[in-house]
Protein backbone atom coordinates (compact mmCIF):
# COMPACT_ATOMS: atom_id res chain seq x y z
CA MET A 1 26.89 -33.44 7.25
CA SER A 2 27.37 -34.46 3.22
CA SER A 3 26.57 -32.74 0.21
CA THR A 4 25.73 -34.68 -3.22
CA HIS A 5 25.20 -33.14 -6.61
CA LEU A 6 22.75 -35.99 -7.11
CA LYS A 7 18.88 -34.06 -7.89
CA VAL A 8 16.54 -35.31 -5.12
CA ASN A 9 12.78 -34.64 -4.86
CA PHE A 10 11.79 -32.92 -1.65
CA LYS A 11 8.37 -32.47 -2.41
CA ASP A 12 7.00 -34.58 0.15
CA THR A 13 8.77 -32.87 2.45
CA ILE A 14 7.91 -29.32 1.65
CA SER A 15 3.71 -30.55 1.22
CA GLU A 16 4.20 -31.92 4.78
CA VAL A 17 5.55 -28.21 6.27
CA LEU A 18 2.89 -26.52 4.26
CA GLU A 19 0.14 -28.92 5.74
CA LEU A 20 1.15 -28.93 8.97
CA GLU A 21 1.65 -25.31 9.31
CA ALA A 22 -1.90 -24.88 7.57
CA LYS A 23 -3.42 -26.92 9.55
CA VAL A 24 -2.02 -25.53 13.47
CA ILE A 25 -2.93 -22.18 12.23
CA LEU A 26 -6.41 -23.47 10.96
CA GLU A 27 -6.67 -24.94 14.34
CA ARG A 28 -6.33 -22.14 16.29
CA LYS A 29 -8.61 -19.77 14.60
CA GLU A 30 -11.34 -19.50 16.78
CA TYR A 31 -9.65 -18.99 20.01
CA LEU A 32 -7.19 -16.63 18.74
CA SER A 33 -9.85 -14.45 17.12
CA THR A 34 -10.95 -13.73 20.72
CA GLN A 35 -7.48 -12.61 21.57
CA ILE A 36 -6.58 -10.90 19.09
CA ASN A 37 -9.50 -9.15 19.12
CA GLU A 38 -9.30 -8.07 22.54
CA CYS A 39 -5.72 -7.04 22.05
CA VAL A 40 -7.06 -4.46 19.21
CA ASN A 41 -9.04 -2.78 21.78
CA PHE A 42 -6.23 -2.83 24.34
CA ILE A 43 -4.02 -1.45 21.54
CA LEU A 44 -6.81 1.09 20.61
CA LYS A 45 -7.04 2.71 24.35
CA CYS A 46 -2.72 3.00 24.19
CA LYS A 47 -2.56 6.72 23.36
CA GLY A 48 1.44 6.27 22.62
CA ARG A 49 3.36 3.53 20.05
CA VAL A 50 3.28 -0.52 19.61
CA ILE A 51 7.13 -1.63 20.66
CA ILE A 52 7.58 -4.99 19.42
CA THR A 53 10.66 -6.77 21.75
CA GLY A 54 11.99 -10.13 20.92
CA ILE A 55 15.11 -12.02 20.18
CA GLY A 56 16.28 -14.35 17.74
CA LYS A 57 14.06 -15.89 15.38
CA SER A 58 11.10 -13.89 17.58
CA GLY A 59 13.11 -11.19 16.77
CA LEU A 60 13.10 -11.38 12.97
CA VAL A 61 9.25 -12.08 12.96
CA GLY A 62 9.04 -8.94 15.54
CA LYS A 63 10.77 -6.50 12.95
CA LYS A 64 8.21 -7.64 10.68
CA ILE A 65 5.21 -7.14 12.57
CA ALA A 66 6.39 -3.67 13.78
CA ALA A 67 7.05 -2.39 10.23
CA THR A 68 3.88 -3.83 8.73
CA LEU A 69 1.80 -2.23 11.87
CA ALA A 70 4.04 1.16 10.72
CA SER A 71 2.92 1.29 7.30
CA THR A 72 -0.60 0.58 8.16
CA GLY A 73 -1.20 3.74 10.53
CA THR A 74 -0.45 2.12 13.76
CA PRO A 75 3.13 4.16 14.73
CA SER A 76 5.57 0.93 16.07
CA PHE A 77 9.09 0.10 16.35
CA PHE A 78 11.34 -2.79 17.61
CA LEU A 79 13.38 -2.71 20.60
CA HIS A 80 15.88 -5.27 21.03
CA PRO A 81 15.98 -6.47 24.63
CA ALA A 82 19.94 -6.48 25.27
CA GLU A 83 20.14 -3.16 23.66
CA GLY A 84 16.94 -2.09 25.69
CA LEU A 85 19.07 -3.55 28.69
CA HIS A 86 21.70 -1.06 28.08
CA GLY A 87 19.57 2.17 27.94
CA ASP A 88 17.43 1.76 24.70
CA LEU A 89 14.45 1.26 27.22
CA GLY A 90 14.71 5.13 27.28
CA MET A 91 12.51 4.89 24.24
CA VAL A 92 10.03 3.76 25.97
CA THR A 93 6.82 5.49 27.81
CA ASP A 94 4.44 5.28 29.67
CA SER A 95 1.41 5.39 26.72
CA ASP A 96 2.94 2.74 25.07
CA VAL A 97 2.28 -1.11 25.05
CA VAL A 98 5.02 -3.35 24.72
CA ILE A 99 4.20 -6.51 22.74
CA ALA A 100 7.35 -9.19 23.80
CA ILE A 101 7.36 -12.19 21.62
CA SER A 102 8.71 -15.35 23.11
CA ASN A 103 7.55 -18.96 22.03
CA SER A 104 8.93 -20.17 25.63
CA GLY A 105 7.78 -17.64 27.67
CA GLU A 106 11.28 -17.77 29.66
CA THR A 107 13.92 -15.72 27.74
CA GLU A 108 16.11 -14.08 29.77
CA GLU A 109 16.87 -10.87 27.89
CA ILE A 110 13.04 -10.02 27.87
CA LEU A 111 12.62 -11.42 31.40
CA LYS A 112 15.40 -8.68 32.63
CA THR A 113 13.87 -6.24 30.64
CA ILE A 114 9.99 -6.41 32.75
CA PRO A 115 10.81 -4.29 35.81
CA SER A 116 11.89 -1.31 34.01
CA ILE A 117 8.97 -1.46 31.68
CA LYS A 118 6.48 -1.90 34.64
CA ARG A 119 8.52 0.85 36.92
CA ILE A 120 7.92 3.68 32.88
CA GLY A 121 4.55 2.63 32.89
CA ALA A 122 3.99 1.04 29.91
CA LYS A 123 1.39 -1.73 29.24
CA ILE A 124 2.96 -5.38 28.29
CA VAL A 125 1.40 -7.77 26.02
CA ALA A 126 2.49 -11.55 26.00
CA LEU A 127 2.77 -13.23 22.55
CA VAL A 128 3.92 -16.39 23.95
CA GLY A 129 2.98 -20.44 23.25
CA ASN A 130 3.10 -20.90 27.20
CA SER A 131 0.74 -19.54 28.86
CA ASN A 132 1.96 -20.17 32.25
CA SER A 133 5.22 -18.97 31.50
CA SER A 134 7.06 -16.09 33.72
CA LEU A 135 6.39 -13.69 30.87
CA ALA A 136 3.04 -14.56 30.54
CA GLU A 137 2.52 -14.19 34.18
CA ARG A 138 3.93 -10.77 34.51
CA ALA A 139 1.84 -9.46 31.36
CA ASP A 140 -1.06 -7.20 31.55
CA LEU A 141 -2.52 -9.28 28.17
CA ILE A 142 -1.72 -12.74 26.95
CA LEU A 143 -1.90 -13.90 23.26
CA SER A 144 -0.97 -17.04 23.50
CA TYR A 145 -1.23 -19.87 20.86
CA GLY A 146 -0.73 -22.56 22.86
CA ILE A 147 2.34 -25.22 22.77
CA VAL A 148 2.72 -26.21 19.15
CA GLU A 149 4.57 -28.95 17.30
CA GLU A 150 7.19 -27.35 14.90
CA ALA A 151 7.85 -28.13 11.38
CA CYS A 152 11.38 -28.85 12.08
CA PRO A 153 11.76 -32.68 12.69
CA LEU A 154 14.48 -32.26 15.25
CA GLY A 155 12.15 -29.91 17.27
CA LEU A 156 14.22 -27.28 16.98
CA ALA A 157 14.18 -24.85 14.73
CA PRO A 158 11.24 -22.06 15.69
CA THR A 159 8.91 -23.08 12.45
CA THR A 160 5.43 -22.98 13.06
CA SER A 161 5.46 -20.85 15.90
CA THR A 162 7.07 -18.25 14.16
CA THR A 163 4.93 -18.68 11.31
CA LEU A 164 1.81 -18.66 14.37
CA THR A 165 3.36 -15.49 15.63
CA LEU A 166 3.69 -13.79 12.14
CA VAL A 167 -0.21 -14.59 11.33
CA ILE A 168 -1.26 -12.94 14.67
CA GLY A 169 1.29 -9.82 13.65
CA ASP A 170 -0.64 -9.51 10.38
CA ALA A 171 -4.06 -10.10 11.75
CA LEU A 172 -3.23 -7.76 14.22
CA ALA A 173 -2.15 -4.80 11.55
CA ILE A 174 -5.32 -5.29 9.51
CA SER A 175 -7.86 -5.04 12.71
CA LEU A 176 -5.95 -1.89 13.57
CA LEU A 177 -5.66 -0.44 10.05
CA LYS A 178 -9.85 -0.77 9.83
CA ALA A 179 -10.45 0.13 13.27
CA ARG A 180 -8.80 3.89 12.68
CA ASP A 181 -10.08 3.65 8.89
CA PHE A 182 -6.94 4.02 7.56
CA LYS A 183 -7.15 4.41 3.77
CA PRO A 184 -4.83 3.87 0.51
CA GLU A 185 -3.82 7.59 0.44
CA ASN A 186 -2.96 6.92 4.52
CA PHE A 187 -0.97 4.25 2.88
CA ALA A 188 0.98 6.42 0.47
CA VAL A 189 2.01 8.73 2.91
CA PHE A 190 4.31 6.64 4.61
CA HIS A 191 5.41 5.24 1.16
CA PRO A 192 6.28 8.01 -1.11
CA GLY A 193 9.30 6.81 -2.66
CA GLY A 194 8.09 3.54 -4.24
CA SER A 195 5.44 3.07 -6.92
CA LEU A 196 2.60 2.51 -4.51
CA GLY A 197 2.96 6.50 -3.31
CA ARG A 198 3.32 7.61 -6.91
CA LYS A 199 0.03 6.11 -8.13
CA LEU A 200 -1.36 6.95 -4.96
CA LEU A 201 -0.37 10.53 -4.30
CA LEU A 202 0.14 11.86 -8.01
CA THR A 203 -2.56 14.23 -8.99
CA VAL A 204 -3.62 15.06 -12.53
CA GLU A 205 -2.25 18.37 -11.62
CA ASP A 206 1.43 16.57 -11.12
CA ILE A 207 1.02 15.75 -14.57
CA ILE A 208 0.40 19.14 -16.13
CA SER A 209 2.71 20.68 -14.16
CA THR A 210 5.36 18.27 -15.62
CA ALA A 211 3.97 18.40 -19.22
CA ASN A 212 2.35 21.58 -19.90
CA ARG A 213 0.25 21.48 -22.94
CA ASN A 214 -3.03 22.85 -23.78
CA PRO A 215 -3.93 22.69 -27.49
CA VAL A 216 -7.16 24.62 -28.21
CA ALA A 217 -8.82 25.60 -31.21
CA ASN A 218 -12.30 27.39 -31.81
CA GLU A 219 -14.93 25.21 -33.08
CA ASN A 220 -15.00 27.42 -36.51
CA SER A 221 -11.68 26.67 -37.43
CA ASN A 222 -10.83 24.71 -40.84
CA VAL A 223 -9.33 21.74 -40.14
CA ASN A 224 -5.55 23.18 -42.29
CA GLU A 225 -5.74 25.88 -39.29
CA VAL A 226 -5.89 23.15 -36.01
CA LEU A 227 -3.12 20.67 -37.76
CA PHE A 228 -0.36 23.28 -37.16
CA GLN A 229 -0.99 23.15 -33.51
CA MET A 230 -1.77 19.67 -33.17
CA THR A 231 1.54 19.04 -34.77
CA GLU A 232 3.09 21.53 -32.46
CA PHE A 233 1.83 20.09 -29.08
CA GLY A 234 2.71 16.78 -30.55
CA LEU A 235 -0.52 15.10 -28.93
CA GLY A 236 -2.40 13.91 -31.93
CA ALA A 237 -5.59 15.74 -30.35
CA ILE A 238 -6.93 19.22 -29.81
CA ASN A 239 -9.41 20.66 -27.37
CA ILE A 240 -12.12 22.77 -29.31
CA VAL A 241 -13.86 25.07 -27.94
CA ASP A 242 -16.80 27.94 -28.58
CA SER A 243 -16.63 31.65 -28.27
CA ARG A 244 -17.19 31.45 -24.74
CA GLY A 245 -13.79 29.10 -24.04
CA LYS A 246 -15.79 26.32 -22.93
CA LEU A 247 -15.16 22.89 -24.22
CA LYS A 248 -17.26 21.32 -26.91
CA GLY A 249 -15.32 18.25 -28.26
CA ILE A 250 -11.93 16.91 -29.24
CA LEU A 251 -10.25 16.37 -32.46
CA THR A 252 -7.71 13.65 -33.50
CA ASP A 253 -5.85 12.62 -36.05
CA GLY A 254 -8.14 9.79 -36.45
CA ASP A 255 -10.82 12.01 -37.01
CA ILE A 256 -8.93 14.03 -39.89
CA ARG A 257 -8.14 10.61 -41.22
CA ARG A 258 -11.56 9.23 -41.60
CA GLY A 259 -12.47 12.75 -42.83
CA LEU A 260 -9.95 12.66 -45.59
CA ALA A 261 -11.37 9.05 -46.62
CA ARG A 262 -14.68 10.93 -47.07
CA GLU A 263 -14.02 14.18 -48.03
CA ILE A 264 -11.92 15.33 -51.35
CA ASN A 265 -11.32 18.63 -49.94
CA ILE A 266 -11.00 17.89 -46.03
CA LEU A 267 -8.67 20.86 -45.00
CA GLN A 268 -11.06 23.51 -45.89
CA GLU A 269 -13.65 22.05 -43.62
CA LYS A 270 -14.68 23.69 -40.18
CA VAL A 271 -13.68 21.52 -37.12
CA ASN A 272 -17.11 21.44 -36.36
CA LYS A 273 -17.86 18.80 -39.24
CA LEU A 274 -15.44 16.21 -37.27
CA TYR A 275 -14.71 16.43 -33.54
CA ASN A 276 -16.52 14.19 -31.46
CA GLU A 277 -18.80 16.39 -28.69
CA ASN A 278 -18.82 15.48 -25.29
CA PRO A 279 -15.69 13.99 -24.96
CA ILE A 280 -14.46 12.58 -21.53
CA THR A 281 -12.98 14.85 -18.98
CA ILE A 282 -11.25 14.87 -15.96
CA ARG A 283 -10.17 17.42 -13.37
CA ALA A 284 -7.12 18.42 -12.30
CA GLU A 285 -7.51 17.51 -8.72
CA LEU A 286 -7.85 14.02 -9.54
CA LEU A 287 -5.39 11.10 -8.95
CA ALA A 288 -3.22 10.29 -11.64
CA ALA A 289 -4.20 6.51 -11.38
CA GLU A 290 -7.75 7.78 -11.88
CA ALA A 291 -6.59 9.35 -15.23
CA LEU A 292 -4.94 6.23 -16.23
CA LYS A 293 -7.84 4.06 -15.46
CA ILE A 294 -10.14 6.04 -17.41
CA MET A 295 -8.30 6.28 -20.66
CA GLU A 296 -7.40 2.39 -20.31
CA ASP A 297 -11.18 1.74 -20.02
CA ASN A 298 -12.59 3.83 -22.30
CA LYS A 299 -9.43 2.89 -25.10
CA VAL A 300 -8.28 6.48 -25.36
CA ASN A 301 -4.82 7.87 -25.43
CA VAL A 302 -5.58 11.62 -23.86
CA LEU A 303 -8.03 13.50 -22.05
CA PRO A 304 -8.87 16.96 -21.75
CA VAL A 305 -8.47 18.64 -18.33
CA VAL A 306 -11.02 21.05 -17.15
CA ASN A 307 -11.87 23.64 -14.90
CA ASP A 308 -14.93 24.58 -12.97
CA TYR A 309 -16.15 26.28 -16.12
CA GLN A 310 -15.69 23.63 -18.53
CA GLU A 311 -12.84 25.36 -19.87
CA PRO A 312 -9.84 23.22 -21.08
CA VAL A 313 -6.74 24.00 -18.94
CA ALA A 314 -4.59 21.26 -20.27
CA MET A 315 -4.93 18.35 -22.46
CA ILE A 316 -2.69 15.14 -20.84
CA HIS A 317 -1.42 12.08 -22.81
CA ILE A 318 -1.29 8.22 -21.42
CA GLN A 319 2.46 8.41 -22.28
CA ASP A 320 2.66 11.67 -19.62
CA VAL A 321 1.12 9.45 -17.19
CA VAL A 322 2.84 5.96 -17.36
CA LYS A 323 6.40 8.60 -17.59
CA MET A 324 5.26 9.41 -14.13
CA GLY A 325 5.69 6.03 -13.14
CA ILE A 326 2.16 4.99 -12.29
């Protein structure tokens, strides 16, 4: 092996790899979809977990498949076959389905686990290239993508075969997701630490508890009276209510500026001459992401939060939502 500092163009090689792997996936689409459909129904009957096992490159792909299944509503974990032979098979129960990944279907470490898995009572799915292999013969269900041409010119490094395995894993996960009617809020439960979790789990109530502000003025108040409240809360707006405390409208600093352009003595005017009637509002139990979308769609920076009686309980600013990581 030698290295060079010369700039070499590998675009042709890259195109060849992409075209070959894409071609193989599309060629196998029809018969793979039938097999995957059968496997999905097989897994749906399973009362336990889906356990993925594999070694080497197949093991690395298996870890990704297990993670995708687990995050999309199918309880799953990865079991290293070598560790399984030394005690970790104790994680397997008779309610589980084990998906064993091996291109050749002759991986020694996996084959050695089969008798114990059979004795435990778990079902076995063979995800293989060779449907006539030892692993396929011992499985309860076979998922075979057939013998494929690897993108590696030496025919040594698993490339096309691992891509197919990964695609099959994705197809399984998404099919199971749909079968279980898995929703975004379910996904968020499994991802509470990331921005996705914040986006899907946080409600307007969470924003209110962090930034508790509810500027309110009566519709008969003078502009100069409400200016002090608007300044105090720093929202650039105030909820306007009637004598019963129900929301009538919202007054913004923009409304006041526009009033100043028209009136000499605007500060002594009643707010009912300036405020916006029928403002856009939101409920506390709705998602914070919905509040952000409403503000962006309507090009407003604040939203009154109202209860069942149309009484304002808070006002949120677009920056309050952004600070929450939405």
